[in-house]
């Protein structure tokens, strides 16, 4: 059976795995984005706090994904829970770092002008600082999503959802007639999903970032 015949015979399962993979990454990125921006907002005004937040989230990336999931299994069990926990933790660094950089990069004169017209601190943050910091934050989200696309494949080790199951099944049956097809289908599926997500982020950037800021 060649690769195209394999896709034709397994397309329903592959589509299901692809949907689960994309859903897991999307949901974890939503959580990581909310947490990362909150951490950035809480720490960007202080050098030591910002450095502590960046260092703490950077430390997570030094843990191999397989080891992270293995350590989580005794705590949260198999399946979705270790997948969601690991992906959320891995997605924090780019968002936290870019949120801090973006908020620190806002022109102080604009913040002073907003203060001068009577805006409160929360209003300045929501209406001036965060909108101006949005481009680097979005870049951090894009980077984190691309990372999580690959890391999510390893979740199959803990019976997690996604295209990693195809890859692991192929590796486990090396030498069989469809082993290479399984690995190739899972890998190409992840690449396609990563490209689709990135295209969506580009569109979001064009819709939400004014041209003057993009330039």
C-alpha atoms as a PDB file:
ATOM      1  CA  UNK A   1       0.000   0.000   0.000  1.00  0.00           C
ATOM      2  CA  UNK A   2       1.490   3.327  -1.033  1.00  0.00           C
ATOM      3  CA  UNK A   3       1.131   6.538   0.956  1.00  0.00           C
ATOM      4  CA  UNK A   4      -1.885   7.903  -0.951  1.00  0.00           C
ATOM      5  CA  UNK A   5      -3.732   4.618  -0.642  1.00  0.00           C
ATOM      6  CA  UNK A   6      -2.984   4.638   3.072  1.00  0.00           C
ATOM      7  CA  UNK A   7      -4.435   8.156   3.390  1.00  0.00           C
ATOM      8  CA  UNK A   8      -7.537   7.082   1.516  1.00  0.00           C
ATOM      9  CA  UNK A   9      -8.116   4.081   3.741  1.00  0.00           C
ATOM     10  CA  UNK A  10      -7.410   5.936   6.995  1.00  0.00           C
ATOM     11  CA  UNK A  11      -8.718   9.426   6.226  1.00  0.00           C
ATOM     12  CA  UNK A  12     -11.506   9.359   8.833  1.00  0.00           C
ATOM     13  CA  UNK A  13      -9.174   8.398  11.675  1.00  0.00           C
ATOM     14  CA  UNK A  14      -6.547  10.876  10.485  1.00  0.00           C
ATOM     15  CA  UNK A  15      -9.089  13.700  10.383  1.00  0.00           C
ATOM     16  CA  UNK A  16     -10.239  12.803  13.894  1.00  0.00           C
ATOM     17  CA  UNK A  17      -6.657  12.779  15.175  1.00  0.00           C
ATOM     18  CA  UNK A  18      -5.944  16.080  13.398  1.00  0.00           C
ATOM     19  CA  UNK A  19      -9.014  17.702  14.959  1.00  0.00           C
ATOM     20  CA  UNK A  20      -8.043  16.482  18.423  1.00  0.00           C
ATOM     21  CA  UNK A  21      -4.473  17.691  17.898  1.00  0.00           C
ATOM     22  CA  UNK A  22      -5.584  21.148  16.780  1.00  0.00           C
ATOM     23  CA  UNK A  23      -8.165  21.371  19.558  1.00  0.00           C
ATOM     24  CA  UNK A  24      -5.629  20.482  22.262  1.00  0.00           C
ATOM     25  CA  UNK A  25      -3.114  23.043  20.995  1.00  0.00           C
ATOM     26  CA  UNK A  26      -5.764  25.752  20.604  1.00  0.00           C
ATOM     27  CA  UNK A  27      -7.233  25.287  24.071  1.00  0.00           C
ATOM     28  CA  UNK A  28      -3.826  25.164  25.722  1.00  0.00           C
ATOM     29  CA  UNK A  29      -2.743  28.298  23.865  1.00  0.00           C
ATOM     30  CA  UNK A  30      -5.838  30.143  25.077  1.00  0.00           C
ATOM     31  CA  UNK A  31      -4.967  29.260  28.676  1.00  0.00           C
ATOM     32  CA  UNK A  32      -1.250  29.996  28.170  1.00  0.00           C
ATOM     33  CA  UNK A  33      -2.062  33.352  26.553  1.00  0.00           C
ATOM     34  CA  UNK A  34      -4.338  34.462  29.384  1.00  0.00           C
ATOM     35  CA  UNK A  35      -1.879  33.351  32.065  1.00  0.00           C
ATOM     36  CA  UNK A  36       1.132  34.724  30.169  1.00  0.00           C
ATOM     37  CA  UNK A  37      -0.397  38.171  29.638  1.00  0.00           C
ATOM     38  CA  UNK A  38      -1.502  38.324  33.289  1.00  0.00           C
ATOM     39  CA  UNK A  39       2.032  37.455  34.415  1.00  0.00           C
ATOM     40  CA  UNK A  40       3.444  40.047  32.024  1.00  0.00           C
ATOM     41  CA  UNK A  41       1.080  42.739  33.321  1.00  0.00           C
ATOM     42  CA  UNK A  42       1.951  41.876  36.914  1.00  0.00           C
ATOM     43  CA  UNK A  43       5.729  41.950  36.416  1.00  0.00           C
ATOM     44  CA  UNK A  44       6.705  44.318  33.595  1.00  0.00           C
ATOM     45  CA  UNK A  45       7.098  47.393  35.792  1.00  0.00           C
ATOM     46  CA  UNK A  46       9.787  45.713  37.935  1.00  0.00           C
ATOM     47  CA  UNK A  47      13.097  44.510  36.511  1.00  0.00           C
ATOM     48  CA  UNK A  48      13.565  41.770  39.086  1.00  0.00           C
ATOM     49  CA  UNK A  49       9.971  40.552  38.828  1.00  0.00           C
ATOM     50  CA  UNK A  50      10.140  40.492  35.030  1.00  0.00           C
ATOM     51  CA  UNK A  51      13.428  38.621  35.098  1.00  0.00           C
ATOM     52  CA  UNK A  52      12.028  36.152  37.644  1.00  0.00           C
ATOM     53  CA  UNK A  53       8.966  35.478  35.469  1.00  0.00           C
ATOM     54  CA  UNK A  54      11.096  34.982  32.363  1.00  0.00           C
ATOM     55  CA  UNK A  55      13.561  32.739  34.164  1.00  0.00           C
ATOM     56  CA  UNK A  56      10.823  30.613  35.736  1.00  0.00           C
ATOM     57  CA  UNK A  57       9.054  30.027  32.422  1.00  0.00           C
ATOM     58  CA  UNK A  58      12.393  29.448  30.662  1.00  0.00           C
ATOM     59  CA  UNK A  59      13.209  26.708  33.162  1.00  0.00           C
ATOM     60  CA  UNK A  60      10.180  24.745  31.984  1.00  0.00           C
ATOM     61  CA  UNK A  61      11.641  24.559  28.477  1.00  0.00           C
ATOM     62  CA  UNK A  62      14.802  22.908  29.803  1.00  0.00           C
ATOM     63  CA  UNK A  63      12.721  19.850  30.790  1.00  0.00           C
ATOM     64  CA  UNK A  64      12.428  17.364  27.900  1.00  0.00           C
ATOM     65  CA  UNK A  65       8.796  16.973  26.818  1.00  0.00           C
ATOM     66  CA  UNK A  66       8.836  13.201  27.309  1.00  0.00           C
ATOM     67  CA  UNK A  67      10.220  13.620  30.840  1.00  0.00           C
ATOM     68  CA  UNK A  68       7.646  16.310  31.644  1.00  0.00           C
ATOM     69  CA  UNK A  69       4.746  14.092  30.581  1.00  0.00           C
ATOM     70  CA  UNK A  70       6.284  11.126  32.406  1.00  0.00           C
ATOM     71  CA  UNK A  71       6.525  13.170  35.605  1.00  0.00           C
ATOM     72  CA  UNK A  72       2.927  14.340  35.276  1.00  0.00           C
ATOM     73  CA  UNK A  73       1.413  10.875  34.777  1.00  0.00           C
ATOM     74  CA  UNK A  74       1.692   9.837  38.476  1.00  0.00           C
ATOM     75  CA  UNK A  75       0.150  13.166  39.477  1.00  0.00           C
ATOM     76  CA  UNK A  76      -2.731  13.664  37.006  1.00  0.00           C
ATOM     77  CA  UNK A  77      -2.974  10.258  35.313  1.00  0.00           C
ATOM     78  CA  UNK A  78      -3.052   9.350  31.632  1.00  0.00           C
ATOM     79  CA  UNK A  79      -4.939  10.969  28.755  1.00  0.00           C
ATOM     80  CA  UNK A  80      -5.916  14.597  28.368  1.00  0.00           C
ATOM     81  CA  UNK A  81      -4.781  15.941  31.767  1.00  0.00           C
ATOM     82  CA  UNK A  82      -0.986  15.530  31.343  1.00  0.00           C
ATOM     83  CA  UNK A  83      -1.263  16.759  27.753  1.00  0.00           C
ATOM     84  CA  UNK A  84      -3.059  19.962  28.699  1.00  0.00           C
ATOM     85  CA  UNK A  85      -0.801  20.627  31.686  1.00  0.00           C
ATOM     86  CA  UNK A  86       2.436  20.105  29.768  1.00  0.00           C
ATOM     87  CA  UNK A  87       1.373  22.110  26.698  1.00  0.00           C
ATOM     88  CA  UNK A  88       0.169  25.025  28.807  1.00  0.00           C
ATOM     89  CA  UNK A  89       3.448  25.161  30.726  1.00  0.00           C
ATOM     90  CA  UNK A  90       5.524  24.981  27.548  1.00  0.00           C
ATOM     91  CA  UNK A  91       3.451  27.727  25.927  1.00  0.00           C
ATOM     92  CA  UNK A  92       4.024  30.270  28.692  1.00  0.00           C
ATOM     93  CA  UNK A  93       7.563  31.489  27.944  1.00  0.00           C
ATOM     94  CA  UNK A  94       7.069  33.163  24.535  1.00  0.00           C
ATOM     95  CA  UNK A  95       3.872  34.853  25.721  1.00  0.00           C
ATOM     96  CA  UNK A  96       5.277  36.047  29.046  1.00  0.00           C
ATOM     97  CA  UNK A  97       8.525  37.298  27.515  1.00  0.00           C
ATOM     98  CA  UNK A  98       6.832  39.135  24.642  1.00  0.00           C
ATOM     99  CA  UNK A  99       4.157  40.603  26.907  1.00  0.00           C
ATOM    100  CA  UNK A 100       6.854  42.073  29.147  1.00  0.00           C
ATOM    101  CA  UNK A 101       8.871  43.358  26.189  1.00  0.00           C
ATOM    102  CA  UNK A 102       5.778  44.812  24.531  1.00  0.00           C
ATOM    103  CA  UNK A 103       4.490  46.577  27.640  1.00  0.00           C
ATOM    104  CA  UNK A 104       7.927  47.977  28.463  1.00  0.00           C
ATOM    105  CA  UNK A 105       8.224  49.243  24.902  1.00  0.00           C
ATOM    106  CA  UNK A 106       5.140  51.482  25.083  1.00  0.00           C
ATOM    107  CA  UNK A 107       6.105  55.148  24.729  1.00  0.00           C
ATOM    108  CA  UNK A 108       5.956  56.722  28.233  1.00  0.00           C
ATOM    109  CA  UNK A 109       4.734  59.961  26.669  1.00  0.00           C
ATOM    110  CA  UNK A 110       1.559  58.213  25.526  1.00  0.00           C
ATOM    111  CA  UNK A 111       0.971  56.812  29.002  1.00  0.00           C
ATOM    112  CA  UNK A 112       1.540  60.269  30.520  1.00  0.00           C
ATOM    113  CA  UNK A 113      -0.884  61.786  28.022  1.00  0.00           C
ATOM    114  CA  UNK A 114      -3.522  59.217  28.974  1.00  0.00           C
ATOM    115  CA  UNK A 115      -2.910  59.989  32.642  1.00  0.00           C
ATOM    116  CA  UNK A 116      -3.208  63.686  31.880  1.00  0.00           C
ATOM    117  CA  UNK A 117      -6.708  63.335  30.454  1.00  0.00           C
ATOM    118  CA  UNK A 118      -7.832  61.538  33.592  1.00  0.00           C
ATOM    119  CA  UNK A 119      -7.573  57.856  32.660  1.00  0.00           C
ATOM    120  CA  UNK A 120      -7.271  55.499  35.597  1.00  0.00           C
ATOM    121  CA  UNK A 121      -4.498  52.899  35.798  1.00  0.00           C
ATOM    122  CA  UNK A 122      -6.676  50.001  34.568  1.00  0.00           C
ATOM    123  CA  UNK A 123      -8.064  52.157  31.760  1.00  0.00           C
ATOM    124  CA  UNK A 124      -4.549  53.130  30.631  1.00  0.00           C
ATOM    125  CA  UNK A 125      -3.547  49.480  30.659  1.00  0.00           C
ATOM    126  CA  UNK A 126      -6.561  48.259  28.686  1.00  0.00           C
ATOM    127  CA  UNK A 127      -6.952  51.155  26.246  1.00  0.00           C
ATOM    128  CA  UNK A 128      -3.373  52.311  25.698  1.00  0.00           C
ATOM    129  CA  UNK A 129      -0.657  49.920  26.863  1.00  0.00           C
ATOM    130  CA  UNK A 130      -2.069  46.507  25.924  1.00  0.00           C
ATOM    131  CA  UNK A 131      -3.227  47.576  22.434  1.00  0.00           C
ATOM    132  CA  UNK A 132       0.249  48.999  21.708  1.00  0.00           C
ATOM    133  CA  UNK A 133       1.891  45.867  23.128  1.00  0.00           C
ATOM    134  CA  UNK A 134      -0.365  43.557  21.105  1.00  0.00           C
ATOM    135  CA  UNK A 135       1.988  43.067  18.091  1.00  0.00           C
ATOM    136  CA  UNK A 136       4.826  41.499  20.138  1.00  0.00           C
ATOM    137  CA  UNK A 137       2.300  39.542  22.205  1.00  0.00           C
ATOM    138  CA  UNK A 138       0.798  38.103  19.023  1.00  0.00           C
ATOM    139  CA  UNK A 139       4.295  37.190  17.841  1.00  0.00           C
ATOM    140  CA  UNK A 140       4.844  35.321  21.101  1.00  0.00           C
ATOM    141  CA  UNK A 141       1.557  33.468  20.619  1.00  0.00           C
ATOM    142  CA  UNK A 142       2.611  32.448  17.099  1.00  0.00           C
ATOM    143  CA  UNK A 143       5.968  31.147  18.308  1.00  0.00           C
ATOM    144  CA  UNK A 144       4.381  29.255  21.190  1.00  0.00           C
ATOM    145  CA  UNK A 145       1.794  27.650  18.905  1.00  0.00           C
ATOM    146  CA  UNK A 146       4.442  26.355  16.523  1.00  0.00           C
ATOM    147  CA  UNK A 147       6.314  24.857  19.485  1.00  0.00           C
ATOM    148  CA  UNK A 148       3.219  23.202  20.891  1.00  0.00           C
ATOM    149  CA  UNK A 149       2.299  21.635  17.553  1.00  0.00           C
ATOM    150  CA  UNK A 150       5.407  19.474  17.745  1.00  0.00           C
ATOM    151  CA  UNK A 151       5.357  18.905  21.493  1.00  0.00           C
ATOM    152  CA  UNK A 152       1.709  17.772  21.376  1.00  0.00           C
ATOM    153  CA  UNK A 153       2.765  14.752  19.313  1.00  0.00           C
ATOM    154  CA  UNK A 154       4.639  13.405  22.331  1.00  0.00           C
ATOM    155  CA  UNK A 155       1.393  13.411  24.313  1.00  0.00           C
ATOM    156  CA  UNK A 156       0.578  10.073  22.665  1.00  0.00           C
ATOM    157  CA  UNK A 157       3.089   8.587  25.117  1.00  0.00           C
ATOM    158  CA  UNK A 158       0.541   9.299  27.859  1.00  0.00           C
ATOM    159  CA  UNK A 159      -2.461   8.170  25.777  1.00  0.00           C
ATOM    160  CA  UNK A 160      -3.109  11.775  24.854  1.00  0.00           C
ATOM    161  CA  UNK A 161      -5.081  12.871  21.795  1.00  0.00           C
ATOM    162  CA  UNK A 162      -3.718  13.891  18.432  1.00  0.00           C
ATOM    163  CA  UNK A 163      -1.569  12.923  15.481  1.00  0.00           C
ATOM    164  CA  UNK A 164       1.213  11.701  17.734  1.00  0.00           C
ATOM    165  CA  UNK A 165      -0.693   8.436  17.983  1.00  0.00           C
ATOM    166  CA  UNK A 166      -0.039   7.809  14.287  1.00  0.00           C
ATOM    167  CA  UNK A 167       3.650   8.518  14.724  1.00  0.00           C
ATOM    168  CA  UNK A 168       4.006   6.312  17.802  1.00  0.00           C
ATOM    169  CA  UNK A 169       2.096   3.467  16.163  1.00  0.00           C
ATOM    170  CA  UNK A 170       4.389   3.682  13.157  1.00  0.00           C
ATOM    171  CA  UNK A 171       7.526   3.692  15.316  1.00  0.00           C
ATOM    172  CA  UNK A 172       6.223   0.761  17.353  1.00  0.00           C
ATOM    173  CA  UNK A 173       5.634  -1.290  14.198  1.00  0.00           C
ATOM    174  CA  UNK A 174       8.829  -0.461  12.296  1.00  0.00           C
ATOM    175  CA  UNK A 175       9.383  -3.066   9.638  1.00  0.00           C
ATOM    176  CA  UNK A 176       5.700  -3.552   8.854  1.00  0.00           C
ATOM    177  CA  UNK A 177       4.318  -2.428   5.506  1.00  0.00           C
ATOM    178  CA  UNK A 178       2.497   0.654   6.836  1.00  0.00           C
ATOM    179  CA  UNK A 179       4.954   1.829   9.496  1.00  0.00           C
ATOM    180  CA  UNK A 180       6.488   4.530   7.320  1.00  0.00           C
ATOM    181  CA  UNK A 181       3.057   5.616   6.082  1.00  0.00           C
ATOM    182  CA  UNK A 182       1.878   6.080   9.665  1.00  0.00           C
ATOM    183  CA  UNK A 183       4.884   8.166  10.678  1.00  0.00           C
ATOM    184  CA  UNK A 184       4.701  10.226   7.491  1.00  0.00           C
ATOM    185  CA  UNK A 185       0.952  10.824   7.797  1.00  0.00           C
ATOM    186  CA  UNK A 186       1.267  12.009  11.394  1.00  0.00           C
ATOM    187  CA  UNK A 187       4.255  14.229  10.662  1.00  0.00           C
ATOM    188  CA  UNK A 188       2.780  15.854   7.551  1.00  0.00           C
ATOM    189  CA  UNK A 189      -0.513  16.362   9.366  1.00  0.00           C
ATOM    190  CA  UNK A 190       1.246  18.310  12.126  1.00  0.00           C
ATOM    191  CA  UNK A 191       3.105  20.432   9.568  1.00  0.00           C
ATOM    192  CA  UNK A 192      -0.145  21.266   7.750  1.00  0.00           C
ATOM    193  CA  UNK A 193      -1.856  22.203  11.015  1.00  0.00           C
ATOM    194  CA  UNK A 194       1.068  24.423  12.009  1.00  0.00           C
ATOM    195  CA  UNK A 195       0.903  26.255   8.674  1.00  0.00           C
ATOM    196  CA  UNK A 196      -2.869  26.707   8.949  1.00  0.00           C
ATOM    197  CA  UNK A 197      -2.605  28.095  12.474  1.00  0.00           C
ATOM    198  CA  UNK A 198       0.130  30.494  11.405  1.00  0.00           C
ATOM    199  CA  UNK A 199      -1.965  31.709   8.478  1.00  0.00           C
ATOM    200  CA  UNK A 200      -4.818  32.419  10.890  1.00  0.00           C
ATOM    201  CA  UNK A 201      -2.464  34.414  13.126  1.00  0.00           C
ATOM    202  CA  UNK A 202      -1.289  36.453  10.140  1.00  0.00           C
ATOM    203  CA  UNK A 203      -4.930  37.246   9.342  1.00  0.00           C
ATOM    204  CA  UNK A 204      -5.632  38.158  12.967  1.00  0.00           C
ATOM    205  CA  UNK A 205      -2.624  40.480  12.915  1.00  0.00           C
ATOM    206  CA  UNK A 206      -3.866  42.225   9.776  1.00  0.00           C
ATOM    207  CA  UNK A 207      -7.318  42.674  11.294  1.00  0.00           C
ATOM    208  CA  UNK A 208      -6.269  43.815  14.767  1.00  0.00           C
ATOM    209  CA  UNK A 209      -3.014  45.738  14.282  1.00  0.00           C
ATOM    210  CA  UNK A 210      -3.335  49.179  12.657  1.00  0.00           C
ATOM    211  CA  UNK A 211      -1.145  49.653   9.612  1.00  0.00           C
ATOM    212  CA  UNK A 212       0.834  52.434  11.295  1.00  0.00           C
ATOM    213  CA  UNK A 213       1.852  50.117  14.132  1.00  0.00           C
ATOM    214  CA  UNK A 214       2.688  47.278  11.695  1.00  0.00           C
ATOM    215  CA  UNK A 215       4.992  49.592   9.769  1.00  0.00           C
END
